[in-house]
Amino acid sequence: MPLLQSLDGQSVISQRAPVGETFRVAVSDLLAMTDRIIYTALAFNMFFGLVGLVLTRAFAGAFLAGKKQVVL
């Protein structure tokens, strides 16, 4: 992210090869795409974390219910 923030003065990043220009992207589009990826990854990780929590609690509850517990 800091590398992209340092490119704010430029409007377009282009990659050139001996045969011509191979790639061109606007810096603002690249920053917007990075933000969208980060927010989407955060949402998916929160969802799967919740699913993992629910499954872990269910399996732990089923395991402990089947075992006799000794409380000291």
N, C-alpha and C. Protein backbone atom coordinates (compact mmCIF):
# COMPACT_ATOMS: atom_id res chain seq x y z
N MET A 1 0.80 -1.19 0.00
CA MET A 1 0.00 0.00 0.00
C MET A 1 0.85 1.27 0.00
N PRO A 2 1.91 1.35 0.78
CA PRO A 2 2.70 2.59 0.74
C PRO A 2 3.29 2.85 -0.65
N LEU A 3 3.62 1.80 -1.38
CA LEU A 3 4.16 1.98 -2.72
C LEU A 3 3.12 2.60 -3.63
N LEU A 4 1.87 2.16 -3.53
CA LEU A 4 0.81 2.73 -4.35
C LEU A 4 0.52 4.17 -3.95
N GLN A 5 0.59 4.47 -2.65
CA GLN A 5 0.34 5.83 -2.21
C GLN A 5 1.41 6.78 -2.72
N SER A 6 2.61 6.29 -2.93
CA SER A 6 3.68 7.15 -3.43
C SER A 6 3.49 7.49 -4.91
N LEU A 7 2.61 6.79 -5.60
CA LEU A 7 2.37 7.04 -7.02
C LEU A 7 1.23 8.02 -7.26
N ASP A 8 0.77 8.71 -6.22
CA ASP A 8 -0.37 9.61 -6.37
C ASP A 8 -0.08 10.73 -7.38
N GLY A 9 1.16 11.10 -7.55
CA GLY A 9 1.50 12.15 -8.50
C GLY A 9 1.31 11.71 -9.95
N GLN A 10 1.38 10.43 -10.18
CA GLN A 10 1.19 9.90 -11.53
C GLN A 10 -0.28 9.57 -11.75
N SER A 11 -0.74 9.70 -12.94
CA SER A 11 -2.13 9.34 -13.22
C SER A 11 -2.23 7.96 -13.86
N VAL A 12 -1.15 7.53 -14.53
CA VAL A 12 -1.19 6.25 -15.24
C VAL A 12 0.13 5.53 -15.03
N ILE A 13 0.04 4.22 -14.78
CA ILE A 13 1.23 3.37 -14.72
C ILE A 13 1.23 2.54 -15.99
N SER A 14 2.34 2.54 -16.70
CA SER A 14 2.40 1.75 -17.92
C SER A 14 3.65 0.89 -17.92
N GLN A 15 3.53 -0.26 -18.52
CA GLN A 15 4.65 -1.18 -18.66
C GLN A 15 4.99 -1.26 -20.14
N ARG A 16 6.24 -1.08 -20.43
CA ARG A 16 6.66 -1.07 -21.83
C ARG A 16 7.60 -2.23 -22.10
N ALA A 17 7.55 -2.71 -23.31
CA ALA A 17 8.43 -3.77 -23.79
C ALA A 17 9.00 -3.30 -25.13
N PRO A 18 10.01 -3.99 -25.64
CA PRO A 18 10.57 -3.57 -26.93
C PRO A 18 9.55 -3.57 -28.08
N VAL A 19 8.50 -4.36 -27.95
CA VAL A 19 7.50 -4.41 -29.02
C VAL A 19 6.41 -3.36 -28.84
N GLY A 20 6.41 -2.66 -27.71
CA GLY A 20 5.42 -1.62 -27.46
C GLY A 20 4.92 -1.67 -26.03
N GLU A 21 3.84 -0.97 -25.80
CA GLU A 21 3.27 -0.91 -24.46
C GLU A 21 2.46 -2.19 -24.20
N THR A 22 2.75 -2.88 -23.08
CA THR A 22 2.07 -4.15 -22.79
C THR A 22 0.96 -4.01 -21.76
N PHE A 23 1.06 -3.01 -20.90
CA PHE A 23 0.06 -2.88 -19.83
C PHE A 23 -0.06 -1.43 -19.43
N ARG A 24 -1.28 -1.01 -19.14
CA ARG A 24 -1.52 0.36 -18.71
C ARG A 24 -2.71 0.38 -17.75
N VAL A 25 -2.54 1.04 -16.61
CA VAL A 25 -3.61 1.11 -15.62
C VAL A 25 -3.56 2.48 -14.94
N ALA A 26 -4.73 3.00 -14.61
CA ALA A 26 -4.80 4.26 -13.88
C ALA A 26 -4.55 3.99 -12.40
N VAL A 27 -3.82 4.88 -11.74
CA VAL A 27 -3.48 4.70 -10.33
C VAL A 27 -4.74 4.71 -9.48
N SER A 28 -5.69 5.57 -9.78
CA SER A 28 -6.92 5.62 -8.99
C SER A 28 -7.71 4.32 -9.11
N ASP A 29 -7.73 3.72 -10.30
CA ASP A 29 -8.41 2.43 -10.48
C ASP A 29 -7.71 1.33 -9.69
N LEU A 30 -6.39 1.38 -9.66
CA LEU A 30 -5.63 0.38 -8.93
C LEU A 30 -5.87 0.50 -7.44
N LEU A 31 -5.92 1.72 -6.92
CA LEU A 31 -6.21 1.92 -5.50
C LEU A 31 -7.62 1.48 -5.16
N ALA A 32 -8.59 1.76 -6.02
CA ALA A 32 -9.97 1.34 -5.78
C ALA A 32 -10.09 -0.18 -5.80
N MET A 33 -9.38 -0.84 -6.72
CA MET A 33 -9.40 -2.29 -6.80
C MET A 33 -8.78 -2.90 -5.55
N THR A 34 -7.70 -2.32 -5.05
CA THR A 34 -7.06 -2.82 -3.84
C THR A 34 -7.99 -2.69 -2.64
N ASP A 35 -8.67 -1.56 -2.53
CA ASP A 35 -9.63 -1.38 -1.43
C ASP A 35 -10.76 -2.40 -1.51
N ARG A 36 -11.28 -2.64 -2.70
CA ARG A 36 -12.37 -3.60 -2.88
C ARG A 36 -11.91 -5.01 -2.49
N ILE A 37 -10.70 -5.37 -2.85
CA ILE A 37 -10.17 -6.70 -2.50
C ILE A 37 -10.02 -6.83 -0.99
N ILE A 38 -9.52 -5.80 -0.33
CA ILE A 38 -9.32 -5.85 1.11
C ILE A 38 -10.65 -5.97 1.84
N TYR A 39 -11.64 -5.17 1.45
CA TYR A 39 -12.95 -5.23 2.12
C TYR A 39 -13.65 -6.56 1.87
N THR A 40 -13.54 -7.10 0.68
CA THR A 40 -14.16 -8.38 0.38
C THR A 40 -13.48 -9.50 1.17
N ALA A 41 -12.15 -9.47 1.25
CA ALA A 41 -11.43 -10.49 2.02
C ALA A 41 -11.80 -10.40 3.50
N LEU A 42 -11.95 -9.19 4.01
CA LEU A 42 -12.34 -9.01 5.41
C LEU A 42 -13.72 -9.60 5.67
N ALA A 43 -14.66 -9.35 4.78
CA ALA A 43 -16.02 -9.88 4.95
C ALA A 43 -16.02 -11.41 4.89
N PHE A 44 -15.32 -12.00 3.94
CA PHE A 44 -15.27 -13.46 3.85
C PHE A 44 -14.60 -14.08 5.06
N ASN A 45 -13.53 -13.47 5.55
CA ASN A 45 -12.85 -14.01 6.72
C ASN A 45 -13.72 -13.92 7.97
N MET A 46 -14.48 -12.84 8.10
CA MET A 46 -15.40 -12.73 9.24
C MET A 46 -16.49 -13.80 9.16
N PHE A 47 -17.02 -14.03 7.97
CA PHE A 47 -18.06 -15.04 7.80
C PHE A 47 -17.54 -16.44 8.11
N PHE A 48 -16.39 -16.80 7.56
CA PHE A 48 -15.86 -18.14 7.80
C PHE A 48 -15.35 -18.30 9.23
N GLY A 49 -14.93 -17.22 9.86
CA GLY A 49 -14.59 -17.27 11.28
C GLY A 49 -15.81 -17.58 12.12
N LEU A 50 -16.95 -16.97 11.77
CA LEU A 50 -18.19 -17.23 12.48
C LEU A 50 -18.64 -18.68 12.27
N VAL A 51 -18.54 -19.18 11.06
CA VAL A 51 -18.89 -20.57 10.78
C VAL A 51 -17.97 -21.51 11.57
N GLY A 52 -16.69 -21.21 11.62
CA GLY A 52 -15.75 -22.03 12.39
C GLY A 52 -16.06 -22.02 13.87
N LEU A 53 -16.45 -20.86 14.39
CA LEU A 53 -16.81 -20.75 15.80
C LEU A 53 -18.04 -21.59 16.12
N VAL A 54 -19.05 -21.50 15.28
CA VAL A 54 -20.28 -22.26 15.51
C VAL A 54 -20.01 -23.76 15.45
N LEU A 55 -19.24 -24.19 14.46
CA LEU A 55 -18.93 -25.62 14.35
C LEU A 55 -18.08 -26.11 15.52
N THR A 56 -17.12 -25.32 15.95
CA THR A 56 -16.27 -25.71 17.07
C THR A 56 -17.08 -25.84 18.35
N ARG A 57 -17.97 -24.88 18.59
CA ARG A 57 -18.81 -24.95 19.79
C ARG A 57 -19.75 -26.15 19.72
N ALA A 58 -20.29 -26.43 18.55
CA ALA A 58 -21.21 -27.57 18.41
C ALA A 58 -20.49 -28.88 18.65
N PHE A 59 -19.32 -29.04 18.06
CA PHE A 59 -18.56 -30.28 18.24
C PHE A 59 -18.06 -30.42 19.67
N ALA A 60 -17.62 -29.34 20.28
CA ALA A 60 -17.15 -29.40 21.67
C ALA A 60 -18.31 -29.72 22.60
N GLY A 61 -19.48 -29.13 22.35
CA GLY A 61 -20.64 -29.43 23.18
C GLY A 61 -21.08 -30.88 23.05
N ALA A 62 -21.06 -31.40 21.84
CA ALA A 62 -21.44 -32.80 21.61
C ALA A 62 -20.42 -33.74 22.25
N PHE A 63 -19.16 -33.38 22.19
CA PHE A 63 -18.11 -34.22 22.78
C PHE A 63 -18.22 -34.24 24.29
N LEU A 64 -18.42 -33.05 24.89
CA LEU A 64 -18.49 -32.98 26.34
C LEU A 64 -19.80 -33.56 26.88
N ALA A 65 -20.86 -33.52 26.11
CA ALA A 65 -22.13 -34.09 26.57
C ALA A 65 -22.07 -35.62 26.62
N GLY A 66 -21.27 -36.21 25.78
CA GLY A 66 -21.15 -37.67 25.75
C GLY A 66 -20.20 -38.21 26.80
N LYS A 67 -19.39 -37.36 27.40
CA LYS A 67 -18.42 -37.78 28.40
C LYS A 67 -18.90 -37.42 29.80
N LYS A 68 -18.61 -38.27 30.76
CA LYS A 68 -18.92 -37.93 32.15
C LYS A 68 -17.83 -36.98 32.63
N GLN A 69 -18.26 -35.93 33.29
CA GLN A 69 -17.31 -34.92 33.77
C GLN A 69 -17.12 -35.06 35.27
N VAL A 70 -15.91 -34.86 35.68
CA VAL A 70 -15.58 -34.87 37.10
C VAL A 70 -15.27 -33.44 37.49
N VAL A 71 -16.05 -32.91 38.42
CA VAL A 71 -15.85 -31.53 38.86
C VAL A 71 -15.25 -31.58 40.23
N LEU A 72 -14.12 -30.94 40.41
CA LEU A 72 -13.46 -30.93 41.73
C LEU A 72 -13.77 -29.67 42.47
